[in-house]
Each structure stands twice: as C-alpha cells, then as structure tokens.
C-alpha atoms as a PDB file:
ATOM      1  CA  MET A   1      96.847  25.294 123.281  1.00  0.00           C
ATOM      2  CA  SER A   2     100.588  25.169 122.719  1.00  0.00           C
ATOM      3  CA  LYS A   3     102.912  27.456 124.648  1.00  0.00           C
ATOM      4  CA  ALA A   4     104.256  28.950 121.403  1.00  0.00           C
ATOM      5  CA  MET A   5     100.773  29.841 120.173  1.00  0.00           C
ATOM      6  CA  PHE A   6      99.782  31.340 123.524  1.00  0.00           C
ATOM      7  CA  ARG A   7     103.044  33.333 123.530  1.00  0.00           C
ATOM      8  CA  ASP A   8     102.292  34.712 120.055  1.00  0.00           C
ATOM      9  CA  VAL A   9      98.791  35.661 121.102  1.00  0.00           C
ATOM     10  CA  THR A  10     100.065  37.294 124.265  1.00  0.00           C
ATOM     11  CA  TRP A  11     102.596  39.383 122.380  1.00  0.00           C
ATOM     12  CA  ALA A  12     100.060  40.427 119.806  1.00  0.00           C
ATOM     13  CA  GLY A  13      97.612  41.567 122.460  1.00  0.00           C
ATOM     14  CA  GLY A  14     100.226  43.660 124.172  1.00  0.00           C
ATOM     15  CA  LEU A  15     101.288  45.217 120.936  1.00  0.00           C
ATOM     16  CA  PHE A  16      97.696  45.991 120.140  1.00  0.00           C
ATOM     17  CA  CYS A  17      97.378  48.063 123.285  1.00  0.00           C
ATOM     18  CA  LEU A  18     100.558  49.934 122.560  1.00  0.00           C
ATOM     19  CA  CYS A  19      99.388  50.697 119.036  1.00  0.00           C
ATOM     20  CA  CYS A  20      96.110  52.112 120.256  1.00  0.00           C
ATOM     21  CA  VAL A  21      97.918  54.397 122.680  1.00  0.00           C
ATOM     22  CA  LEU A  22     100.284  55.656 120.049  1.00  0.00           C
ATOM     23  CA  ALA A  23      97.516  56.223 117.531  1.00  0.00           C
ATOM     24  CA  GLY A  24      96.125  58.994 119.659  1.00  0.00           C
ATOM     25  CA  CYS A  25      93.243  57.242 121.340  1.00  0.00           C
ATOM     26  CA  SER A  26      91.722  59.316 124.097  1.00  0.00           C
ATOM     27  CA  SER A  27      92.928  56.682 126.528  1.00  0.00           C
ATOM     28  CA  VAL A  28      95.014  53.572 126.041  1.00  0.00           C
ATOM     29  CA  THR A  29      93.129  51.809 128.774  1.00  0.00           C
ATOM     30  CA  GLY A  30      90.272  49.632 127.672  1.00  0.00           C
ATOM     31  CA  THR A  31      89.425  46.355 126.026  1.00  0.00           C
ATOM     32  CA  TYR A  32      90.544  45.335 122.550  1.00  0.00           C
ATOM     33  CA  ALA A  33      89.502  42.294 120.492  1.00  0.00           C
ATOM     34  CA  ASP A  34      89.598  40.800 117.043  1.00  0.00           C
ATOM     35  CA  ALA A  35      86.395  40.514 114.991  1.00  0.00           C
ATOM     36  CA  THR A  36      85.615  37.010 116.296  1.00  0.00           C
ATOM     37  CA  GLY A  37      86.477  37.652 119.948  1.00  0.00           C
ATOM     38  CA  THR A  38      89.092  34.880 119.926  1.00  0.00           C
ATOM     39  CA  PHE A  39      91.884  37.281 120.848  1.00  0.00           C
ATOM     40  CA  GLY A  40      91.486  40.016 123.439  1.00  0.00           C
ATOM     41  CA  LEU A  41      93.606  42.520 125.284  1.00  0.00           C
ATOM     42  CA  ASP A  42      92.634  44.362 128.456  1.00  0.00           C
ATOM     43  CA  VAL A  43      94.832  47.417 129.008  1.00  0.00           C
ATOM     44  CA  GLN A  44      94.912  48.964 132.445  1.00  0.00           C
ATOM     45  CA  SER A  45      96.547  52.089 133.785  1.00  0.00           C
ATOM     46  CA  GLY A  46     100.008  51.742 135.286  1.00  0.00           C
ATOM     47  CA  GLY A  47     101.464  49.682 132.431  1.00  0.00           C
ATOM     48  CA  LYS A  48      99.493  46.521 133.204  1.00  0.00           C
ATOM     49  CA  ALA A  49      97.591  44.423 130.678  1.00  0.00           C
ATOM     50  CA  THR A  50      96.012  41.000 130.257  1.00  0.00           C
ATOM     51  CA  LEU A  51      96.171  39.086 126.981  1.00  0.00           C
ATOM     52  CA  ARG A  52      93.320  36.645 126.309  1.00  0.00           C
ATOM     53  CA  PHE A  53      93.141  33.805 123.776  1.00  0.00           C
ATOM     54  CA  MET A  54      90.402  31.178 123.602  1.00  0.00           C
ATOM     55  CA  GLY A  55      89.533  31.408 127.285  1.00  0.00           C
ATOM     56  CA  GLU A  56      93.144  31.507 128.515  1.00  0.00           C
ATOM     57  CA  SER A  57      94.726  34.672 129.894  1.00  0.00           C
ATOM     58  CA  ALA A  58      98.231  35.875 130.672  1.00  0.00           C
ATOM     59  CA  PRO A  59      99.378  38.837 132.786  1.00  0.00           C
ATOM     60  CA  CYS A  60     101.445  41.369 130.835  1.00  0.00           C
ATOM     61  CA  THR A  61     103.095  44.759 131.043  1.00  0.00           C
ATOM     62  CA  TYR A  62     103.282  47.350 128.282  1.00  0.00           C
ATOM     63  CA  THR A  63     105.117  50.457 127.199  1.00  0.00           C
ATOM     64  CA  SER A  64     104.114  52.768 124.399  1.00  0.00           C
ATOM     65  CA  THR A  65     105.300  55.487 122.076  1.00  0.00           C
ATOM     66  CA  SER A  66     103.277  57.657 119.731  1.00  0.00           C
ATOM     67  CA  LYS A  67     103.123  54.909 117.070  1.00  0.00           C
ATOM     68  CA  THR A  68     103.703  51.598 118.832  1.00  0.00           C
ATOM     69  CA  ILE A  69     102.873  49.579 121.894  1.00  0.00           C
ATOM     70  CA  THR A  70     105.181  46.884 123.216  1.00  0.00           C
ATOM     71  CA  LEU A  71     103.620  44.092 125.224  1.00  0.00           C
ATOM     72  CA  THR A  72     105.620  41.755 127.441  1.00  0.00           C
ATOM     73  CA  CYS A  73     103.752  38.827 128.966  1.00  0.00           C
ATOM     74  CA  ALA A  74     104.616  36.303 131.651  1.00  0.00           C
ATOM     75  CA  GLY A  75     107.072  33.703 130.422  1.00  0.00           C
ATOM     76  CA  GLN A  76     108.273  35.702 127.434  1.00  0.00           C
ATOM     77  CA  PRO A  77     111.885  36.859 127.230  1.00  0.00           C
ATOM     78  CA  ALA A  78     111.135  39.899 125.049  1.00  0.00           C
ATOM     79  CA  GLY A  79     108.176  42.086 124.115  1.00  0.00           C
ATOM     80  CA  GLU A  80     106.092  42.124 120.950  1.00  0.00           C
ATOM     81  CA  THR A  81     105.609  45.463 119.244  1.00  0.00           C
ATOM     82  CA  PHE A  82     102.258  46.383 117.727  1.00  0.00           C
ATOM     83  CA  THR A  83     101.757  49.292 115.354  1.00  0.00           C
ATOM     84  CA  ILE A  84      98.990  51.744 116.168  1.00  0.00           C
ATOM     85  CA  ASN A  85      96.944  52.341 113.031  1.00  0.00           C
ATOM     86  CA  SER A  86      95.345  55.698 112.220  1.00  0.00           C
ATOM     87  CA  ASP A  87      91.925  54.337 113.308  1.00  0.00           C
ATOM     88  CA  GLY A  88      93.320  53.317 116.722  1.00  0.00           C
ATOM     89  CA  SER A  89      93.424  49.604 115.960  1.00  0.00           C
ATOM     90  CA  LEU A  90      96.534  47.599 116.781  1.00  0.00           C
ATOM     91  CA  ALA A  91      98.391  45.779 114.015  1.00  0.00           C
ATOM     92  CA  PRO A  92     100.420  42.823 115.284  1.00  0.00           C
ATOM     93  CA  PRO A  93     103.953  41.989 114.176  1.00  0.00           C
ATOM     94  CA  PRO A  94     103.952  40.269 110.764  1.00  0.00           C
ATOM     95  CA  ASP A  95     105.345  36.985 112.142  1.00  0.00           C
ATOM     96  CA  THR A  96     102.448  36.224 114.511  1.00  0.00           C
ATOM     97  CA  LEU A  97      99.033  34.624 114.089  1.00  0.00           C
ATOM     98  CA  ILE A  98      97.318  37.466 115.927  1.00  0.00           C
ATOM     99  CA  PRO A  99      94.822  39.503 113.876  1.00  0.00           C
ATOM    100  CA  VAL A 100      94.290  43.262 114.064  1.00  0.00           C
ATOM    101  CA  LEU A 101      92.707  44.228 117.385  1.00  0.00           C
ATOM    102  CA  LYS A 102      90.115  47.000 117.708  1.00  0.00           C
ATOM    103  CA  LYS A 103      89.040  48.833 120.833  1.00  0.00           C
ATOM    104  CA  THR A 104      85.672  47.652 122.091  1.00  0.00           C
ATOM    105  CA  ASN A 105      85.259  50.139 124.975  1.00  0.00           C
END
C-alpha cells in the first residue's frame, strides 16, 4: 500500500471518530468501520485512536467538537476532519478515498 493511500485512510478514520463524538453518540470510544471492513477506526479514551486499512494500522490522536472529529496519525503533518452525521456515522473529507464509517460497538 502506498504511503499516500495509507495517510488518506488514516485521516479518514480519525475524522470518523471525531464525527461520531460530535453527533451525540453516547460515547466516542469504540470501533468504527466501513461496510466491507476494509477501513476501521478504534477510538479510545484520552484522545488516542488507531486507524486500520487492509491489515495495516497507524497510531493516531483525535480532538472533537459537537459536529466534527479531527484525526492526526503518525507521519502526517496535519489532521483530517470528519463530519459527524445525525446517525452517528463519520463522513470523511471529500478529497479522500475513505468511505463513511459506522460504529460497530
């Protein structure tokens, strides 16, 4: 997998977590994934997260507001901001290949 693709996936995962937090989920912590399970995001308490893509993983940090989550992963100079949808799913930035992520637990 190319570094650029992994970076995009990492950002999208982080943003997904932020979006879920801002959408009013009972807890931002948990596991998020796309419908195929190719992309995943594990959000932990304390601002820590792990972005997963096709068996690879990257450590990340996140911050959130009521409507967004910003994910910053290892090796990335800036964070990716996900929008938290009304159903709690995380919509990635429009310029990434990451699909919408839904909470699985």
